[in-house]
Amino acid sequence: MIDVSCVHDLAQAGTHRGAINALNLASARPDPFSTYEFYDHCLRNAAAYPDGSRLRLWLLLAFRGDELVGYLALKEGRHRVLGLPAIRLDLLTSYVGDRPHLVARPEESQQVSVAMWAYLLGRKRDWSLLDFEQQDDTSALLPVPPEAAAGPCQLRQWPNMATGIITLPSNGLTGYFGALSHKSRSNVGRKMRALLDAGDVQLLTSSTAQAAAVLFELYRCIEPHSWKGHADLAIGRNAQAIDLCAGMLDPAQPMRLVVQVLLLDGVPIAGLISGMFGKGQYAIHMVYDERQGDLAPGSAIMLLGVRHALDCGCEFLNMLWGSDHYKTRWLAQMHDTYSLQVYSVGGLYYWRRVLGDLRRRWVGEPAADAPVQFNPIRRALRKLGKSHTAAPTATATMPTVPRRDSTAAALVEQARHLQVQCLTRMQLAAAMPFATSPARTARPLAERQARAAATTPSTLPTSSGSATSAPKTGGITLGAA
């Protein structure tokens, strides 16, 4: 027999910390977002959630005797519905990481699911709505018991954004790139060659928590020049969002955060923040300087992120949810997800749903949208004139000259003294799965003079402590080995 208990203070479950993490690893889909440490991180940063100050944990623990056999992390939110207070229970990590789920061993998940449903449905007076977001067809919460869809309860299902996962090949970056469509290969190759020809391109990759923290701040220097900065989607949109992401840099977190920043003539133009866990890499945040859009730095950092996952022996790259049109171009398989919503009949959420259904019937249901092959937010910003575009240049072939920001320059210099891996322009060219011979080996004099006026040369410390100009070719290793 399986018994379920509810913990409202995570510290009370501290004695089960090891069992929780062990069960996650033994489940059908281990992930860093279902660990005790990540739950603790989310709760400590609860202010990042809407109405986070009123958030309350519901950690359901399922036991067979003294053995933990399953758990489900929920949060209670108190909201105003139709002008009155109402309680909604949903998953603690919804839209924070990968698809949140009930955690149990595969052979016991069905029994644990039955026990969890029985516990929640037996406490209908404690909630007005159960909302299990981002569930896919493999969800351990399926099938939904009949009691959740009849009598005092009503079941509804609503589509959520799909999750994109790239299955990485065994034949490395060459094999992966060769599997892209002909159009994608042509575009990526052409833009990458243009980028490498545009100036001194370098890729910085963190190898320690300290280095990742510095590159994280450098990453944020790019956001004001990205469309995300205008769409209120950047990490730096508020202090809570910064803390939520920065907290994942804590070495105590089971997911090791890796930050990659692409530099052009010493100026950061693109960045990728990924988490390494088990056999996978999770692409958490990506940004690029839209003023350099003609060079497609976003595509460059994406390709380099795939390269990093392959070099680390990962079997998959999880690109998380949303932006199907973009992720499928990179061979991501999209996994459809939906919300399982259980309404307490007669509750406030139930009546709001009834009124919403009546309104939709009155105005007519909109037709299903065709798949979107562009970013609608970014396109809307361009129409409003809020998106950055490249400034006019002297010649059609000359890219926008990046200008140094003092904060970014200081962070780049600081990173060079830490354990940061650096790939130079020559090394990047050699690592590409396509020919990268630049169209011209030297930039025109006018362009070199313009860049010299706009930037200052990057320096690296020598073994004696003096400074020397950073090499533009050849291999270098920054920081201790």
Protein backbone atom coordinates (compact mmCIF):
# COMPACT_ATOMS: atom_id res chain seq x y z
CA MET A 1 0.00 0.00 0.00
CA ILE A 2 1.24 3.49 -0.87
CA ASP A 3 0.65 6.38 1.54
CA VAL A 4 0.97 10.03 0.51
CA SER A 5 1.94 12.87 2.81
CA CYS A 6 2.25 16.60 2.07
CA VAL A 7 5.14 18.82 3.14
CA HIS A 8 4.72 22.60 3.09
CA ASP A 9 8.26 23.41 4.26
CA LEU A 10 11.03 21.85 2.17
CA ALA A 11 13.31 21.67 5.21
CA GLN A 12 10.91 19.10 6.66
CA ALA A 13 11.79 16.85 3.72
CA GLY A 14 15.52 17.32 4.28
CA THR A 15 15.91 13.81 5.68
CA HIS A 16 14.63 12.47 2.34
CA ARG A 17 16.99 14.58 0.24
CA GLY A 18 19.18 11.66 -0.81
CA ALA A 19 16.18 9.46 -1.56
CA ILE A 20 14.56 12.21 -3.66
CA ASN A 21 17.65 12.66 -5.81
CA ALA A 22 18.23 8.91 -6.12
CA LEU A 23 14.64 8.42 -7.24
CA ASN A 24 15.06 11.16 -9.85
CA LEU A 25 18.06 9.33 -11.32
CA ALA A 26 16.13 6.05 -11.34
CA SER A 27 13.07 7.55 -13.08
CA ALA A 28 12.24 7.26 -16.76
CA ARG A 29 13.42 10.82 -17.42
CA PRO A 30 16.03 12.09 -14.94
CA ASP A 31 16.43 15.85 -15.10
CA PRO A 32 18.08 18.60 -13.04
CA PHE A 33 14.77 20.38 -12.45
CA SER A 34 13.35 17.55 -10.30
CA THR A 35 16.06 17.55 -7.65
CA TYR A 36 15.83 18.63 -4.03
CA GLU A 37 18.44 21.35 -4.66
CA PHE A 38 16.55 22.84 -7.58
CA TYR A 39 13.28 22.88 -5.63
CA ASP A 40 15.12 24.70 -2.84
CA HIS A 41 16.51 27.18 -5.36
CA CYS A 42 13.05 27.89 -6.79
CA LEU A 43 11.53 28.43 -3.36
CA ARG A 44 14.34 30.76 -2.28
CA ASN A 45 13.65 32.80 -5.41
CA ALA A 46 9.87 32.63 -5.16
CA ALA A 47 9.61 36.37 -5.76
CA ALA A 48 10.36 35.68 -9.44
CA TYR A 49 6.94 34.04 -9.73
CA PRO A 50 3.74 36.04 -10.21
CA ASP A 51 2.29 36.52 -6.73
CA GLY A 52 5.35 34.69 -5.44
CA SER A 53 5.05 36.29 -2.03
CA ARG A 54 1.92 34.19 -1.48
CA LEU A 55 3.39 30.96 -2.86
CA ARG A 56 3.13 27.86 -0.66
CA LEU A 57 4.84 24.54 -1.29
CA TRP A 58 2.90 21.31 -1.65
CA LEU A 59 5.55 18.57 -1.87
CA LEU A 60 3.70 15.28 -2.08
CA LEU A 61 5.78 12.31 -0.90
CA ALA A 62 4.63 8.77 -1.59
CA PHE A 63 5.85 5.99 0.71
CA ARG A 64 5.55 2.23 0.76
CA GLY A 65 6.33 1.61 4.37
CA ASP A 66 9.46 3.64 5.06
CA GLU A 67 10.60 3.67 1.43
CA LEU A 68 10.10 6.77 -0.72
CA VAL A 69 8.63 5.55 -4.02
CA GLY A 70 7.50 8.81 -5.62
CA TYR A 71 7.12 12.57 -5.27
CA LEU A 72 5.36 15.48 -6.93
CA ALA A 73 6.29 19.13 -6.31
CA LEU A 74 3.37 21.57 -6.46
CA LYS A 75 2.87 25.17 -5.42
CA GLU A 76 -0.23 26.77 -4.02
CA GLY A 77 -1.09 30.19 -5.35
CA ARG A 78 -3.78 32.45 -3.99
CA HIS A 79 -5.30 34.56 -6.74
CA ARG A 80 -8.28 36.80 -7.27
CA VAL A 81 -10.82 35.26 -9.64
CA LEU A 82 -14.00 37.17 -10.48
CA GLY A 83 -12.94 39.59 -7.78
CA LEU A 84 -12.74 36.97 -5.04
CA PRO A 85 -9.80 34.96 -3.60
CA ALA A 86 -9.29 31.47 -5.03
CA ILE A 87 -6.63 28.77 -4.67
CA ARG A 88 -4.84 27.15 -7.58
CA LEU A 89 -2.42 24.23 -7.34
CA ASP A 90 0.09 23.83 -10.14
CA LEU A 91 3.56 22.37 -10.63
CA LEU A 92 6.40 24.09 -8.79
CA THR A 93 8.76 24.29 -11.78
CA SER A 94 6.27 25.04 -14.57
CA TYR A 95 7.95 27.06 -17.34
CA VAL A 96 11.18 27.18 -15.36
CA GLY A 97 12.85 24.10 -16.83
CA ASP A 98 11.93 20.98 -18.75
CA ARG A 99 8.49 19.33 -18.51
CA PRO A 100 7.73 19.02 -14.75
CA HIS A 101 6.45 15.59 -13.81
CA LEU A 102 5.61 13.06 -11.17
CA VAL A 103 8.85 11.27 -10.27
CA ALA A 104 8.88 7.52 -9.66
CA ARG A 105 10.57 4.39 -10.93
CA PRO A 106 9.04 3.30 -14.27
CA GLU A 107 7.68 0.05 -12.84
CA GLU A 108 5.95 1.88 -9.96
CA SER A 109 4.81 5.09 -11.63
CA GLN A 110 1.25 3.89 -12.27
CA GLN A 111 0.68 2.91 -8.63
CA VAL A 112 2.21 6.15 -7.40
CA SER A 113 0.05 8.18 -9.82
CA VAL A 114 -3.14 6.53 -8.52
CA ALA A 115 -2.11 7.36 -4.94
CA MET A 116 -1.28 11.00 -5.83
CA TRP A 117 -4.61 11.54 -7.59
CA ALA A 118 -6.48 9.99 -4.68
CA TYR A 119 -4.73 12.31 -2.24
CA LEU A 120 -5.46 15.48 -4.24
CA LEU A 121 -9.06 14.61 -5.14
CA GLY A 122 -9.70 13.77 -1.50
CA ARG A 123 -8.85 17.36 -0.61
CA LYS A 124 -11.07 19.23 -3.06
CA ARG A 125 -11.96 21.76 -0.39
CA ASP A 126 -8.33 22.95 -0.35
CA TRP A 127 -8.26 24.09 -3.99
CA SER A 128 -10.41 25.48 -6.77
CA LEU A 129 -8.18 24.39 -9.67
CA LEU A 130 -5.52 21.72 -10.25
CA ASP A 131 -3.32 22.68 -13.19
CA PHE A 132 -0.66 20.24 -14.35
CA GLU A 133 1.16 22.16 -17.09
CA GLN A 134 3.57 20.93 -19.76
CA GLN A 135 2.51 17.29 -19.70
CA ASP A 136 3.26 15.12 -22.71
CA ASP A 137 1.92 11.75 -23.81
CA THR A 138 4.41 9.94 -21.57
CA SER A 139 3.26 11.77 -18.42
CA ALA A 140 3.11 9.56 -15.33
CA LEU A 141 -0.09 11.42 -14.38
CA LEU A 142 -1.89 9.63 -17.22
CA PRO A 143 -4.41 8.16 -17.40
CA VAL A 144 -6.47 10.64 -15.42
CA PRO A 145 -8.81 8.79 -13.04
CA PRO A 146 -12.56 8.99 -13.81
CA GLU A 147 -13.20 10.85 -10.53
CA ALA A 148 -11.25 13.84 -11.91
CA ALA A 149 -13.68 14.26 -14.80
CA ALA A 150 -17.07 13.54 -13.25
CA GLY A 151 -19.34 14.58 -10.39
CA PRO A 152 -17.81 17.39 -8.35
CA CYS A 153 -14.88 17.76 -10.79
CA GLN A 154 -14.48 18.74 -14.41
CA LEU A 155 -11.43 17.92 -16.56
CA ARG A 156 -10.21 20.19 -19.34
CA GLN A 157 -7.12 19.93 -21.50
CA TRP A 158 -5.35 22.90 -23.07
CA PRO A 159 -2.29 22.96 -25.35
CA ASN A 160 1.02 24.33 -24.04
CA MET A 161 4.20 25.14 -25.93
CA ALA A 162 6.08 22.14 -27.27
CA THR A 163 9.52 21.12 -26.01
CA GLY A 164 12.34 20.74 -28.55
CA ILE A 165 15.05 18.10 -28.12
CA ILE A 166 17.96 17.44 -30.49
CA THR A 167 19.20 13.85 -30.50
CA LEU A 168 22.92 14.18 -31.07
CA PRO A 169 24.61 11.85 -33.56
CA SER A 170 27.59 9.65 -32.83
CA ASN A 171 29.60 11.00 -35.77
CA GLY A 172 30.21 14.43 -34.29
CA LEU A 173 29.61 17.93 -35.61
CA THR A 174 30.23 16.90 -39.21
CA GLY A 175 27.47 14.31 -39.01
CA TYR A 176 25.10 16.72 -37.29
CA PHE A 177 25.72 19.54 -39.76
CA GLY A 178 25.32 17.17 -42.69
CA ALA A 179 21.85 16.22 -41.44
CA LEU A 180 20.61 19.82 -41.60
CA SER A 181 18.57 20.86 -44.59
CA HIS A 182 20.47 22.12 -47.62
CA LYS A 183 19.12 25.63 -47.04
CA SER A 184 20.19 25.63 -43.37
CA ARG A 185 23.67 24.37 -44.23
CA SER A 186 24.05 27.03 -46.88
CA ASN A 187 22.85 29.86 -44.62
CA VAL A 188 24.85 28.82 -41.57
CA GLY A 189 28.03 28.21 -43.55
CA ARG A 190 27.80 31.47 -45.47
CA LYS A 191 27.10 33.57 -42.37
CA MET A 192 29.79 31.85 -40.31
CA ARG A 193 32.38 32.57 -43.01
CA ALA A 194 31.28 36.21 -43.08
CA LEU A 195 31.57 36.40 -39.30
CA LEU A 196 35.08 34.92 -39.27
CA ASP A 197 36.05 37.38 -42.00
CA ALA A 198 34.63 40.36 -40.12
CA GLY A 199 37.35 40.64 -37.51
CA ASP A 200 39.00 38.95 -34.55
CA VAL A 201 36.40 36.39 -33.49
CA GLN A 202 36.87 34.47 -30.24
CA LEU A 203 34.71 32.11 -28.21
CA LEU A 204 34.98 32.16 -24.41
CA THR A 205 33.63 29.12 -22.54
CA SER A 206 33.54 28.82 -18.75
CA SER A 207 35.16 25.82 -17.09
CA THR A 208 34.64 26.76 -13.42
CA ALA A 209 31.84 28.30 -11.37
CA GLN A 210 33.91 31.47 -10.88
CA ALA A 211 34.50 31.84 -14.61
CA ALA A 212 30.83 31.14 -15.34
CA ALA A 213 29.81 33.94 -12.96
CA VAL A 214 31.99 36.45 -14.84
CA LEU A 215 30.79 35.29 -18.26
CA PHE A 216 27.20 35.46 -16.96
CA GLU A 217 27.66 39.18 -16.36
CA LEU A 218 29.27 39.52 -19.79
CA TYR A 219 26.29 37.71 -21.30
CA ARG A 220 23.99 40.27 -19.73
CA CYS A 221 25.93 43.08 -21.45
CA ILE A 222 24.55 41.79 -24.76
CA GLU A 223 20.90 41.86 -23.70
CA PRO A 224 20.29 45.62 -24.12
CA HIS A 225 21.19 45.20 -27.81
CA SER A 226 18.91 42.17 -28.31
CA TRP A 227 15.23 42.04 -29.20
CA LYS A 228 14.71 40.23 -25.89
CA GLY A 229 15.66 43.38 -24.06
CA HIS A 230 12.70 45.21 -25.61
CA ALA A 231 10.30 42.27 -25.20
CA ASP A 232 10.85 42.03 -21.44
CA LEU A 233 12.31 38.54 -21.91
CA ALA A 234 15.91 39.27 -20.96
CA ILE A 235 17.46 37.91 -17.77
CA GLY A 236 18.15 41.48 -16.70
CA ARG A 237 14.50 42.53 -16.90
CA ASN A 238 14.32 42.62 -13.08
CA ALA A 239 16.28 41.66 -9.98
CA GLN A 240 14.18 38.55 -9.36
CA ALA A 241 14.86 37.10 -12.82
CA ILE A 242 18.58 37.78 -12.40
CA ASP A 243 18.64 36.04 -9.03
CA LEU A 244 16.68 33.07 -10.39
CA CYS A 245 19.25 32.49 -13.12
CA ALA A 246 22.35 33.48 -11.17
CA GLY A 247 21.40 31.08 -8.38
CA MET A 248 21.85 28.18 -10.78
CA LEU A 249 25.57 29.01 -10.83
CA ASP A 250 25.80 27.69 -7.26
CA PRO A 251 28.12 24.63 -7.27
CA ALA A 252 25.60 22.91 -4.98
CA GLN A 253 23.16 22.73 -7.89
CA PRO A 254 23.23 19.34 -9.66
CA MET A 255 23.20 21.05 -13.06
CA ARG A 256 26.59 22.57 -13.92
CA LEU A 257 26.03 25.83 -15.73
CA VAL A 258 28.28 26.59 -18.71
CA VAL A 259 28.35 30.09 -20.21
CA GLN A 260 29.67 30.73 -23.73
CA VAL A 261 30.23 34.22 -25.11
CA LEU A 262 31.20 35.06 -28.67
CA LEU A 263 33.45 38.09 -29.13
CA LEU A 264 34.05 40.19 -32.23
CA ASP A 265 37.11 42.42 -31.87
CA GLY A 266 36.80 42.06 -28.10
CA VAL A 267 33.10 43.01 -27.98
CA PRO A 268 30.49 40.40 -26.87
CA ILE A 269 27.96 39.81 -29.64
CA ALA A 270 26.28 36.51 -28.69
CA GLY A 271 25.95 34.25 -25.67
CA LEU A 272 24.55 30.88 -24.63
CA ILE A 273 23.86 29.64 -21.10
CA SER A 274 23.55 25.86 -20.86
CA GLY A 275 23.21 23.34 -18.06
CA MET A 276 25.03 20.02 -18.04
CA PHE A 277 23.29 17.12 -16.32
CA GLY A 278 23.56 13.40 -16.87
CA LYS A 279 23.68 12.57 -20.56
CA GLY A 280 22.29 15.90 -21.74
CA GLN A 281 22.86 19.59 -22.19
CA TYR A 282 20.00 22.03 -21.55
CA ALA A 283 19.98 25.30 -23.50
CA ILE A 284 18.55 27.70 -20.91
CA HIS A 285 19.16 31.19 -22.35
CA MET A 286 20.52 32.53 -25.63
CA VAL A 287 21.06 36.12 -26.76
CA TYR A 288 22.72 37.98 -29.61
CA ASP A 289 23.41 41.58 -30.56
CA GLU A 290 20.87 42.41 -33.21
CA ARG A 291 23.04 45.24 -34.50
CA GLN A 292 25.26 42.45 -35.86
CA GLY A 293 22.28 40.64 -37.38
CA ASP A 294 23.82 40.54 -40.85
CA LEU A 295 26.51 38.23 -39.46
CA ALA A 296 23.96 35.93 -37.77
CA PRO A 297 25.77 35.64 -34.42
CA GLY A 298 22.75 33.79 -33.02
CA SER A 299 23.24 30.95 -35.51
CA ALA A 300 26.97 30.93 -34.75
CA ILE A 301 26.51 30.57 -30.99
CA MET A 302 23.85 27.91 -31.52
CA LEU A 303 26.18 25.83 -33.70
CA LEU A 304 28.96 26.27 -31.16
CA GLY A 305 26.58 25.17 -28.41
CA VAL A 306 25.86 21.96 -30.32
CA ARG A 307 29.60 21.49 -30.75
CA HIS A 308 30.10 21.85 -27.00
CA ALA A 309 27.43 19.23 -26.26
CA LEU A 310 29.03 16.81 -28.71
CA ASP A 311 32.51 17.41 -27.30
CA CYS A 312 31.18 16.66 -23.80
CA GLY A 313 29.75 13.33 -24.95
CA CYS A 314 26.11 14.37 -24.53
CA GLU A 315 23.42 12.26 -26.14
CA PHE A 316 20.90 15.08 -26.47
CA LEU A 317 20.53 18.86 -26.41
CA ASN A 318 17.28 19.94 -24.77
CA MET A 319 16.21 23.34 -26.11
CA LEU A 320 13.27 23.54 -23.70
CA TRP A 321 9.93 25.03 -24.75
CA GLY A 322 8.68 27.42 -27.41
CA SER A 323 9.99 28.78 -30.75
CA ASP A 324 9.17 25.62 -32.71
CA HIS A 325 9.93 27.31 -36.04
CA TYR A 326 13.53 27.97 -34.99
CA LYS A 327 14.29 24.75 -33.16
CA THR A 328 13.08 22.42 -35.89
CA ARG A 329 15.61 24.02 -38.25
CA TRP A 330 18.30 22.73 -35.88
CA LEU A 331 16.80 19.20 -36.01
CA ALA A 332 14.95 19.43 -32.71
CA GLN A 333 12.10 16.98 -32.36
CA MET A 334 9.16 18.86 -30.88
CA HIS A 335 7.24 17.11 -28.09
CA ASP A 336 3.71 18.48 -27.78
CA THR A 337 2.60 19.32 -24.25
CA TYR A 338 -0.67 20.37 -22.65
CA SER A 339 -2.22 21.33 -19.34
CA LEU A 340 -4.39 18.87 -17.47
CA GLN A 341 -6.82 21.12 -15.63
CA VAL A 342 -9.20 19.79 -12.99
CA TYR A 343 -11.86 22.27 -11.84
CA SER A 344 -13.78 22.00 -8.63
CA VAL A 345 -17.36 22.32 -9.88
CA GLY A 346 -18.93 25.40 -8.35
CA GLY A 347 -15.58 26.97 -7.55
CA LEU A 348 -14.46 30.37 -8.79
CA TYR A 349 -12.15 28.98 -11.44
CA TYR A 350 -14.99 26.75 -12.67
CA TRP A 351 -17.35 29.69 -13.11
CA ARG A 352 -14.67 31.74 -14.82
CA ARG A 353 -14.20 28.87 -17.28
CA VAL A 354 -17.96 28.62 -17.87
CA LEU A 355 -18.17 32.35 -18.62
CA GLY A 356 -15.13 32.09 -20.89
CA ASP A 357 -16.71 29.23 -22.83
CA LEU A 358 -19.92 31.22 -23.26
CA ARG A 359 -17.99 34.21 -24.54
CA ARG A 360 -16.10 32.06 -27.06
CA ARG A 361 -19.33 30.52 -28.32
CA TRP A 362 -20.84 33.98 -28.67
CA VAL A 363 -17.95 35.46 -30.67
CA GLY A 364 -17.10 32.20 -32.41
CA GLU A 365 -14.01 30.06 -31.91
CA PRO A 366 -11.03 31.32 -33.90
CA ALA A 367 -9.70 28.96 -36.54
CA ALA A 368 -6.61 26.96 -35.65
CA ASP A 369 -3.51 28.89 -36.56
CA ALA A 370 -1.10 27.50 -39.12
CA PRO A 371 2.42 26.73 -37.88
CA VAL A 372 4.29 29.99 -37.36
CA GLN A 373 7.60 30.15 -39.25
CA PHE A 374 8.88 33.31 -37.57
CA ASN A 375 9.20 34.91 -34.15
CA PRO A 376 5.96 36.91 -33.72
CA ILE A 377 7.28 38.96 -30.78
CA ARG A 378 10.39 40.01 -32.63
CA ARG A 379 8.39 40.86 -35.74
CA ALA A 380 5.97 42.98 -33.70
CA LEU A 381 8.89 44.88 -32.16
CA ARG A 382 10.30 45.61 -35.60
CA LYS A 383 6.96 47.01 -36.69
CA LEU A 384 7.01 49.26 -33.64
CA GLY A 385 10.56 50.34 -34.47
CA LYS A 386 11.95 49.00 -31.18
CA SER A 387 14.20 46.31 -32.58
CA HIS A 388 17.87 47.04 -33.13
CA THR A 389 19.06 46.98 -36.71
CA ALA A 390 22.48 47.34 -38.18
CA ALA A 391 23.49 50.91 -38.83
CA PRO A 392 24.23 52.00 -42.41
CA THR A 393 27.79 51.20 -43.41
CA ALA A 394 30.26 52.75 -45.83
CA THR A 395 30.23 49.69 -48.09
CA ALA A 396 27.80 46.88 -48.63
CA THR A 397 30.34 44.32 -47.37
CA MET A 398 31.50 46.14 -44.25
CA PRO A 399 29.70 44.93 -41.08
CA THR A 400 28.71 47.28 -38.32
CA VAL A 401 31.75 48.19 -36.22
CA PRO A 402 31.13 47.06 -32.64
CA ARG A 403 32.03 49.61 -29.99
CA ARG A 404 33.50 48.68 -26.65
CA ASP A 405 31.47 49.13 -23.51
CA SER A 406 33.65 49.80 -20.49
CA THR A 407 31.82 47.25 -18.33
CA ALA A 408 32.01 44.55 -20.99
CA ALA A 409 35.68 45.30 -21.63
CA ALA A 410 36.47 44.98 -17.92
CA LEU A 411 34.60 41.67 -17.74
CA VAL A 412 36.44 40.31 -20.78
CA GLU A 413 39.74 41.24 -19.16
CA GLN A 414 38.66 39.66 -15.88
CA ALA A 415 37.62 36.48 -17.67
CA ARG A 416 41.02 36.20 -19.28
CA HIS A 417 42.59 35.78 -15.83
CA LEU A 418 40.27 32.91 -14.91
CA GLN A 419 39.89 29.34 -16.10
CA VAL A 420 38.14 30.27 -19.31
CA GLN A 421 38.58 28.24 -22.45
CA CYS A 422 39.23 30.41 -25.47
CA LEU A 423 38.97 29.42 -29.11
CA THR A 424 40.65 31.86 -31.47
CA ARG A 425 39.52 32.78 -34.94
CA MET A 426 41.84 30.18 -36.48
CA GLN A 427 40.70 27.46 -34.10
CA LEU A 428 37.04 28.27 -34.73
CA ALA A 429 37.62 28.10 -38.48
CA ALA A 430 39.33 24.71 -38.13
CA ALA A 431 36.50 23.37 -35.95
CA MET A 432 33.77 24.13 -38.47
CA PRO A 433 32.33 21.20 -40.46
CA PHE A 434 32.61 23.20 -43.69
CA ALA A 435 35.23 25.17 -45.59
CA THR A 436 35.92 28.51 -43.91
CA SER A 437 38.49 30.14 -46.20
CA PRO A 438 37.51 33.82 -45.98
CA ALA A 439 36.51 35.71 -49.07
CA ARG A 440 39.36 38.10 -48.38
CA THR A 441 42.37 37.52 -46.18
CA ALA A 442 42.72 41.12 -45.09
CA ARG A 443 40.14 43.78 -44.38
CA PRO A 444 40.26 47.00 -46.41
CA LEU A 445 42.42 49.75 -44.93
CA ALA A 446 39.44 52.01 -44.30
CA GLU A 447 37.75 49.29 -42.30
CA ARG A 448 40.86 48.54 -40.26
CA GLN A 449 41.22 52.23 -39.44
CA ALA A 450 37.57 52.49 -38.42
CA ARG A 451 37.90 49.49 -36.12
CA ALA A 452 41.14 50.77 -34.66
CA ALA A 453 39.42 54.05 -33.77
CA ALA A 454 36.39 52.29 -32.29
CA THR A 455 38.18 49.66 -30.20
CA THR A 456 41.28 49.20 -28.10
CA PRO A 457 43.48 46.15 -28.45
CA SER A 458 42.79 43.21 -26.16
CA THR A 459 45.62 42.16 -23.89
CA LEU A 460 46.64 38.96 -22.21
CA PRO A 461 48.94 38.61 -19.23
CA THR A 462 52.31 37.04 -19.88
CA SER A 463 54.03 34.71 -17.45
CA SER A 464 56.02 37.67 -16.12
CA GLY A 465 52.84 39.63 -15.45
CA SER A 466 53.31 42.21 -18.23
CA ALA A 467 50.75 42.67 -20.96
CA THR A 468 51.05 41.69 -24.57
CA SER A 469 48.70 41.96 -27.51
CA ALA A 470 46.27 39.07 -27.77
CA PRO A 471 47.16 36.69 -30.60
CA LYS A 472 44.67 36.55 -33.44
CA THR A 473 45.63 33.03 -34.47
CA GLY A 474 46.93 29.90 -32.84
CA GLY A 475 45.81 28.18 -29.66
CA ILE A 476 45.68 29.79 -26.24
CA THR A 477 44.41 28.55 -22.90
CA LEU A 478 43.21 31.12 -20.40
CA GLY A 479 43.62 30.43 -16.71
CA ALA A 480 45.10 27.43 -15.00
CA ALA A 481 45.01 24.05 -16.66
